[in-house]
C-alpha atoms as a PDB file:
ATOM      1  CA  UNK A   1      60.270  73.195 154.778  1.00  0.00           C
ATOM      2  CA  UNK A   2      63.726  72.411 153.322  1.00  0.00           C
ATOM      3  CA  UNK A   3      62.350  72.856 149.850  1.00  0.00           C
ATOM      4  CA  UNK A   4      60.892  76.204 150.737  1.00  0.00           C
ATOM      5  CA  UNK A   5      64.298  77.378 152.138  1.00  0.00           C
ATOM      6  CA  UNK A   6      66.118  76.182 149.081  1.00  0.00           C
ATOM      7  CA  UNK A   7      63.796  78.192 146.811  1.00  0.00           C
ATOM      8  CA  UNK A   8      64.188  81.217 149.084  1.00  0.00           C
ATOM      9  CA  UNK A   9      67.975  81.136 148.800  1.00  0.00           C
ATOM     10  CA  UNK A  10      67.846  80.425 145.023  1.00  0.00           C
ATOM     11  CA  UNK A  11      65.764  83.564 144.602  1.00  0.00           C
ATOM     12  CA  UNK A  12      68.279  85.566 146.688  1.00  0.00           C
ATOM     13  CA  UNK A  13      71.102  84.193 144.594  1.00  0.00           C
ATOM     14  CA  UNK A  14      69.373  85.158 141.327  1.00  0.00           C
ATOM     15  CA  UNK A  15      68.543  88.627 142.579  1.00  0.00           C
ATOM     16  CA  UNK A  16      71.957  89.494 144.039  1.00  0.00           C
ATOM     17  CA  UNK A  17      74.720  87.174 143.111  1.00  0.00           C
ATOM     18  CA  UNK A  18      74.110  86.844 139.398  1.00  0.00           C
ATOM     19  CA  UNK A  19      74.078  90.551 138.694  1.00  0.00           C
ATOM     20  CA  UNK A  20      77.341  90.994 140.642  1.00  0.00           C
ATOM     21  CA  UNK A  21      78.977  88.091 138.715  1.00  0.00           C
ATOM     22  CA  UNK A  22      77.780  89.523 135.487  1.00  0.00           C
ATOM     23  CA  UNK A  23      79.171  92.959 136.345  1.00  0.00           C
ATOM     24  CA  UNK A  24      82.556  91.463 137.265  1.00  0.00           C
ATOM     25  CA  UNK A  25      82.629  89.527 133.933  1.00  0.00           C
ATOM     26  CA  UNK A  26      81.906  92.559 131.777  1.00  0.00           C
ATOM     27  CA  UNK A  27      84.177  94.773 133.773  1.00  0.00           C
ATOM     28  CA  UNK A  28      86.949  92.346 133.298  1.00  0.00           C
ATOM     29  CA  UNK A  29      86.175  92.333 129.488  1.00  0.00           C
ATOM     30  CA  UNK A  30      86.424  96.081 129.326  1.00  0.00           C
ATOM     31  CA  UNK A  31      89.749  96.250 131.262  1.00  0.00           C
ATOM     32  CA  UNK A  32      91.246  93.450 129.030  1.00  0.00           C
ATOM     33  CA  UNK A  33      89.790  94.784 125.729  1.00  0.00           C
ATOM     34  CA  UNK A  34      91.731  93.467 122.834  1.00  0.00           C
ATOM     35  CA  UNK A  35      93.123  96.287 120.705  1.00  0.00           C
ATOM     36  CA  UNK A  36      94.098  96.013 117.123  1.00  0.00           C
ATOM     37  CA  UNK A  37      97.899  96.079 116.900  1.00  0.00           C
ATOM     38  CA  UNK A  38      99.820  99.078 115.671  1.00  0.00           C
ATOM     39  CA  UNK A  39     102.106  97.888 112.862  1.00  0.00           C
ATOM     40  CA  UNK A  40     103.552 101.230 111.724  1.00  0.00           C
ATOM     41  CA  UNK A  41     103.674 104.543 113.587  1.00  0.00           C
ATOM     42  CA  UNK A  42     103.287 107.988 112.074  1.00  0.00           C
ATOM     43  CA  UNK A  43     102.076 107.323 108.580  1.00  0.00           C
ATOM     44  CA  UNK A  44     102.868 110.404 106.356  1.00  0.00           C
ATOM     45  CA  UNK A  45     100.217 113.017 106.430  1.00  0.00           C
ATOM     46  CA  UNK A  46      98.334 114.069 103.276  1.00  0.00           C
ATOM     47  CA  UNK A  47      99.290 117.715 103.136  1.00  0.00           C
ATOM     48  CA  UNK A  48     100.230 117.465  99.468  1.00  0.00           C
ATOM     49  CA  UNK A  49      96.849 116.206  98.418  1.00  0.00           C
ATOM     50  CA  UNK A  50      93.548 117.984  97.653  1.00  0.00           C
ATOM     51  CA  UNK A  51      89.958 117.024  96.830  1.00  0.00           C
ATOM     52  CA  UNK A  52      88.513 117.953  93.438  1.00  0.00           C
ATOM     53  CA  UNK A  53      87.310 121.302  94.910  1.00  0.00           C
ATOM     54  CA  UNK A  54      90.750 122.082  96.420  1.00  0.00           C
ATOM     55  CA  UNK A  55      89.835 121.133  99.960  1.00  0.00           C
ATOM     56  CA  UNK A  56      92.643 119.648 101.945  1.00  0.00           C
ATOM     57  CA  UNK A  57      92.382 116.133 103.444  1.00  0.00           C
ATOM     58  CA  UNK A  58      93.628 114.904 106.779  1.00  0.00           C
ATOM     59  CA  UNK A  59      94.417 111.564 108.435  1.00  0.00           C
ATOM     60  CA  UNK A  60      94.780 113.040 111.930  1.00  0.00           C
ATOM     61  CA  UNK A  61      91.720 112.693 114.191  1.00  0.00           C
ATOM     62  CA  UNK A  62      90.038 110.357 111.707  1.00  0.00           C
ATOM     63  CA  UNK A  63      89.617 106.599 111.438  1.00  0.00           C
ATOM     64  CA  UNK A  64      90.667 106.181 107.745  1.00  0.00           C
ATOM     65  CA  UNK A  65      90.519 103.397 105.177  1.00  0.00           C
ATOM     66  CA  UNK A  66      93.342 104.460 102.921  1.00  0.00           C
ATOM     67  CA  UNK A  67      93.722 103.140  99.342  1.00  0.00           C
ATOM     68  CA  UNK A  68      95.735 103.704  96.188  1.00  0.00           C
ATOM     69  CA  UNK A  69      93.634 103.392  92.982  1.00  0.00           C
ATOM     70  CA  UNK A  70      96.372 104.701  90.673  1.00  0.00           C
ATOM     71  CA  UNK A  71      96.061 106.007  87.105  1.00  0.00           C
ATOM     72  CA  UNK A  72      93.124 103.808  86.205  1.00  0.00           C
ATOM     73  CA  UNK A  73      90.636 103.934  89.100  1.00  0.00           C
ATOM     74  CA  UNK A  74      87.876 102.272  87.102  1.00  0.00           C
ATOM     75  CA  UNK A  75      90.025  99.109  86.908  1.00  0.00           C
ATOM     76  CA  UNK A  76      89.534  98.855  90.698  1.00  0.00           C
ATOM     77  CA  UNK A  77      85.765  99.149  90.734  1.00  0.00           C
ATOM     78  CA  UNK A  78      85.271  95.618  92.040  1.00  0.00           C
ATOM     79  CA  UNK A  79      87.301  96.485  95.118  1.00  0.00           C
ATOM     80  CA  UNK A  80      85.484  99.784  95.413  1.00  0.00           C
ATOM     81  CA  UNK A  81      82.135  98.029  95.301  1.00  0.00           C
ATOM     82  CA  UNK A  82      83.208  95.539  97.954  1.00  0.00           C
ATOM     83  CA  UNK A  83      84.305  98.322 100.252  1.00  0.00           C
ATOM     84  CA  UNK A  84      81.145 100.284  99.598  1.00  0.00           C
ATOM     85  CA  UNK A  85      78.857  97.351 100.530  1.00  0.00           C
ATOM     86  CA  UNK A  86      80.856  95.774 103.334  1.00  0.00           C
ATOM     87  CA  UNK A  87      82.675  98.619 105.036  1.00  0.00           C
ATOM     88  CA  UNK A  88      81.366 101.970 104.045  1.00  0.00           C
ATOM     89  CA  UNK A  89      77.665 101.264 104.442  1.00  0.00           C
ATOM     90  CA  UNK A  90      78.257  99.968 107.995  1.00  0.00           C
ATOM     91  CA  UNK A  91      80.445 102.849 109.216  1.00  0.00           C
ATOM     92  CA  UNK A  92      79.923 105.997 107.274  1.00  0.00           C
ATOM     93  CA  UNK A  93      77.587 107.431 109.864  1.00  0.00           C
ATOM     94  CA  UNK A  94      80.422 107.684 112.394  1.00  0.00           C
ATOM     95  CA  UNK A  95      81.568 111.246 112.008  1.00  0.00           C
ATOM     96  CA  UNK A  96      85.260 110.361 112.347  1.00  0.00           C
ATOM     97  CA  UNK A  97      85.241 107.627 109.761  1.00  0.00           C
ATOM     98  CA  UNK A  98      86.338 108.140 106.172  1.00  0.00           C
ATOM     99  CA  UNK A  99      87.564 106.379 103.075  1.00  0.00           C
ATOM    100  CA  UNK A 100      90.354 108.153 101.133  1.00  0.00           C
ATOM    101  CA  UNK A 101      91.810 106.971  97.893  1.00  0.00           C
ATOM    102  CA  UNK A 102      94.782 108.960  96.681  1.00  0.00           C
ATOM    103  CA  UNK A 103      95.303 109.180  92.957  1.00  0.00           C
ATOM    104  CA  UNK A 104      97.433 111.084  90.490  1.00  0.00           C
ATOM    105  CA  UNK A 105      96.021 114.270  88.946  1.00  0.00           C
ATOM    106  CA  UNK A 106      95.713 112.576  85.573  1.00  0.00           C
ATOM    107  CA  UNK A 107      93.199 110.141  86.937  1.00  0.00           C
ATOM    108  CA  UNK A 108      90.739 112.862  88.051  1.00  0.00           C
ATOM    109  CA  UNK A 109      88.145 112.248  85.409  1.00  0.00           C
ATOM    110  CA  UNK A 110      88.080 108.456  85.863  1.00  0.00           C
ATOM    111  CA  UNK A 111      87.962 108.753  89.649  1.00  0.00           C
ATOM    112  CA  UNK A 112      84.934 111.114  89.329  1.00  0.00           C
ATOM    113  CA  UNK A 113      83.272 108.523  87.078  1.00  0.00           C
ATOM    114  CA  UNK A 114      83.845 105.889  89.717  1.00  0.00           C
ATOM    115  CA  UNK A 115      82.550 108.176  92.423  1.00  0.00           C
ATOM    116  CA  UNK A 116      79.382 108.690  90.376  1.00  0.00           C
ATOM    117  CA  UNK A 117      78.934 104.942  90.168  1.00  0.00           C
ATOM    118  CA  UNK A 118      79.443 104.606  93.910  1.00  0.00           C
ATOM    119  CA  UNK A 119      76.905 107.350  94.612  1.00  0.00           C
ATOM    120  CA  UNK A 120      74.254 105.154  92.947  1.00  0.00           C
ATOM    121  CA  UNK A 121      74.511 102.626  95.904  1.00  0.00           C
ATOM    122  CA  UNK A 122      75.831 104.777  98.903  1.00  0.00           C
ATOM    123  CA  UNK A 123      76.020 108.354 100.216  1.00  0.00           C
ATOM    124  CA  UNK A 124      79.605 109.217  99.349  1.00  0.00           C
ATOM    125  CA  UNK A 125      80.092 112.177 101.662  1.00  0.00           C
ATOM    126  CA  UNK A 126      82.750 110.337 103.714  1.00  0.00           C
ATOM    127  CA  UNK A 127      84.373 108.678 100.546  1.00  0.00           C
ATOM    128  CA  UNK A 128      86.979 110.986  99.179  1.00  0.00           C
ATOM    129  CA  UNK A 129      89.336 110.881  96.187  1.00  0.00           C
ATOM    130  CA  UNK A 130      92.448 112.992  96.827  1.00  0.00           C
ATOM    131  CA  UNK A 131      94.809 114.154  94.148  1.00  0.00           C
ATOM    132  CA  UNK A 132      98.531 114.600  94.187  1.00  0.00           C
ATOM    133  CA  UNK A 133     101.764 113.967  92.362  1.00  0.00           C
ATOM    134  CA  UNK A 134     103.188 110.543  91.730  1.00  0.00           C
ATOM    135  CA  UNK A 135     106.068 111.318  94.075  1.00  0.00           C
ATOM    136  CA  UNK A 136     103.638 112.327  96.912  1.00  0.00           C
ATOM    137  CA  UNK A 137     101.728 109.057  96.386  1.00  0.00           C
ATOM    138  CA  UNK A 138     104.911 106.970  96.586  1.00  0.00           C
ATOM    139  CA  UNK A 139     105.961 108.791  99.704  1.00  0.00           C
ATOM    140  CA  UNK A 140     102.702 108.102 101.517  1.00  0.00           C
ATOM    141  CA  UNK A 141     102.802 104.423 100.443  1.00  0.00           C
ATOM    142  CA  UNK A 142     106.428 104.037 101.535  1.00  0.00           C
ATOM    143  CA  UNK A 143     105.574 105.468 105.002  1.00  0.00           C
ATOM    144  CA  UNK A 144     103.167 102.551 105.624  1.00  0.00           C
ATOM    145  CA  UNK A 145     106.252 100.245 105.685  1.00  0.00           C
ATOM    146  CA  UNK A 146     104.095  97.356 104.495  1.00  0.00           C
ATOM    147  CA  UNK A 147     105.072  94.174 102.622  1.00  0.00           C
ATOM    148  CA  UNK A 148     103.198  95.285  99.457  1.00  0.00           C
ATOM    149  CA  UNK A 149     104.261  97.349  96.432  1.00  0.00           C
ATOM    150  CA  UNK A 150     102.594  99.825  94.076  1.00  0.00           C
ATOM    151  CA  UNK A 151     102.364  98.744  90.448  1.00  0.00           C
ATOM    152  CA  UNK A 152     103.485 100.863  87.553  1.00  0.00           C
ATOM    153  CA  UNK A 153     100.067 102.614  87.647  1.00  0.00           C
ATOM    154  CA  UNK A 154     100.640 103.689  91.275  1.00  0.00           C
ATOM    155  CA  UNK A 155      97.912 101.248  92.401  1.00  0.00           C
ATOM    156  CA  UNK A 156      97.484  98.302  94.709  1.00  0.00           C
ATOM    157  CA  UNK A 157      94.338  96.370  95.506  1.00  0.00           C
ATOM    158  CA  UNK A 158      95.263  96.440  99.222  1.00  0.00           C
ATOM    159  CA  UNK A 159      93.642  98.972 101.564  1.00  0.00           C
ATOM    160  CA  UNK A 160      94.859 100.024 104.997  1.00  0.00           C
ATOM    161  CA  UNK A 161      93.306 101.062 108.371  1.00  0.00           C
ATOM    162  CA  UNK A 162      94.809 104.236 109.774  1.00  0.00           C
ATOM    163  CA  UNK A 163      93.839 105.337 113.250  1.00  0.00           C
ATOM    164  CA  UNK A 164      93.389 108.897 114.574  1.00  0.00           C
ATOM    165  CA  UNK A 165      97.051 109.178 115.533  1.00  0.00           C
ATOM    166  CA  UNK A 166      98.033 108.374 111.933  1.00  0.00           C
ATOM    167  CA  UNK A 167      99.193 104.843 112.868  1.00  0.00           C
ATOM    168  CA  UNK A 168      98.714 101.878 110.593  1.00  0.00           C
ATOM    169  CA  UNK A 169      96.719  99.104 112.285  1.00  0.00           C
ATOM    170  CA  UNK A 170      96.558  95.467 111.373  1.00  0.00           C
ATOM    171  CA  UNK A 171      97.214  91.882 112.623  1.00  0.00           C
ATOM    172  CA  UNK A 172     100.443  90.536 114.006  1.00  0.00           C
ATOM    173  CA  UNK A 173      99.386  86.921 113.903  1.00  0.00           C
ATOM    174  CA  UNK A 174      96.842  86.460 111.168  1.00  0.00           C
ATOM    175  CA  UNK A 175      95.954  82.841 110.630  1.00  0.00           C
ATOM    176  CA  UNK A 176      96.582  82.981 106.893  1.00  0.00           C
ATOM    177  CA  UNK A 177      99.466  85.393 106.302  1.00  0.00           C
ATOM    178  CA  UNK A 178     101.102  86.129 109.645  1.00  0.00           C
ATOM    179  CA  UNK A 179     101.497  89.902 109.760  1.00  0.00           C
ATOM    180  CA  UNK A 180      98.549  91.502 108.004  1.00  0.00           C
ATOM    181  CA  UNK A 181      99.309  95.099 106.876  1.00  0.00           C
ATOM    182  CA  UNK A 182      96.437  95.514 104.484  1.00  0.00           C
ATOM    183  CA  UNK A 183      93.278  93.903 103.127  1.00  0.00           C
ATOM    184  CA  UNK A 184      92.691  92.764  99.594  1.00  0.00           C
ATOM    185  CA  UNK A 185      89.738  94.781  98.377  1.00  0.00           C
ATOM    186  CA  UNK A 186      89.115  92.228  95.515  1.00  0.00           C
ATOM    187  CA  UNK A 187      88.390  89.477  98.009  1.00  0.00           C
ATOM    188  CA  UNK A 188      84.822  90.029  99.339  1.00  0.00           C
ATOM    189  CA  UNK A 189      85.350  87.389 102.094  1.00  0.00           C
ATOM    190  CA  UNK A 190      88.459  89.121 103.441  1.00  0.00           C
ATOM    191  CA  UNK A 191      86.734  92.490 103.432  1.00  0.00           C
ATOM    192  CA  UNK A 192      83.532  91.231 104.984  1.00  0.00           C
ATOM    193  CA  UNK A 193      85.189  89.274 107.680  1.00  0.00           C
ATOM    194  CA  UNK A 194      88.720  90.293 108.628  1.00  0.00           C
ATOM    195  CA  UNK A 195      88.592  93.947 107.694  1.00  0.00           C
ATOM    196  CA  UNK A 196      85.033  94.481 108.955  1.00  0.00           C
ATOM    197  CA  UNK A 197      85.943  92.957 112.333  1.00  0.00           C
ATOM    198  CA  UNK A 198      89.154  94.981 112.657  1.00  0.00           C
ATOM    199  CA  UNK A 199      87.432  98.281 111.981  1.00  0.00           C
ATOM    200  CA  UNK A 200      84.897  97.414 114.596  1.00  0.00           C
ATOM    201  CA  UNK A 201      87.681  96.954 117.147  1.00  0.00           C
ATOM    202  CA  UNK A 202      89.271 100.287 116.316  1.00  0.00           C
ATOM    203  CA  UNK A 203      85.929 102.106 116.519  1.00  0.00           C
ATOM    204  CA  UNK A 204      85.227 100.317 119.819  1.00  0.00           C
ATOM    205  CA  UNK A 205      88.605 101.418 121.194  1.00  0.00           C
ATOM    206  CA  UNK A 206      87.814 105.088 120.639  1.00  0.00           C
ATOM    207  CA  UNK A 207      84.229 104.732 121.920  1.00  0.00           C
ATOM    208  CA  UNK A 208      85.577 103.090 125.130  1.00  0.00           C
ATOM    209  CA  UNK A 209      88.210 105.837 125.518  1.00  0.00           C
ATOM    210  CA  UNK A 210      85.510 108.463 125.141  1.00  0.00           C
ATOM    211  CA  UNK A 211      83.301 106.847 127.740  1.00  0.00           C
ATOM    212  CA  UNK A 212      86.190 106.672 130.184  1.00  0.00           C
ATOM    213  CA  UNK A 213      87.013 110.382 129.631  1.00  0.00           C
ATOM    214  CA  UNK A 214      83.453 111.357 130.077  1.00  0.00           C
ATOM    215  CA  UNK A 215      83.261 109.388 133.321  1.00  0.00           C
ATOM    216  CA  UNK A 216      86.279 111.079 134.639  1.00  0.00           C
ATOM    217  CA  UNK A 217      84.843 114.464 134.001  1.00  0.00           C
ATOM    218  CA  UNK A 218      81.681 113.530 135.832  1.00  0.00           C
ATOM    219  CA  UNK A 219      83.708 112.525 138.848  1.00  0.00           C
END
């Protein structure tokens, strides 16, 4: 009789208590969702840059991987391939996601050659090369307020995550470098692990915010 009662209460616990416990756990996780830190606010917009067909490019309302390939984009093809395989392929179907590399006008032919190489492995609709003056490139880079520098070719192997509000996102307490402003595109492990994880966090932030807004409208 006692064993029968025990089984009865066990079934009741499984049917009612566990779902409530699980709900409380996940609700707590949502409310305490870890956001990727904002390191620099109001990164300079890209009004001075155009795509090869003259179309303007925008950071606002997009989640952007921003890079600087300089005067010799083909020299950065290893980093480009790493990003294509480990970042772009996973995220390009999100309509607000884009990769933008800003380069000087003189690098237009080389950047188009690199774009053609990338098109052999990915659909490059959301991968954009934007062209502007050296002064405009330096101004955008300076606005990041990072601890990196452009080289004499106006290039850096580091790429940056910019959110929809044009803020630079990164890590305040990275286990290797402390404050992490950008990700070394040459290092496949860093791109595949740190950067991939951080982009997931930013995308999840906006998806969660969208769900909350939709829920409020329904109420």
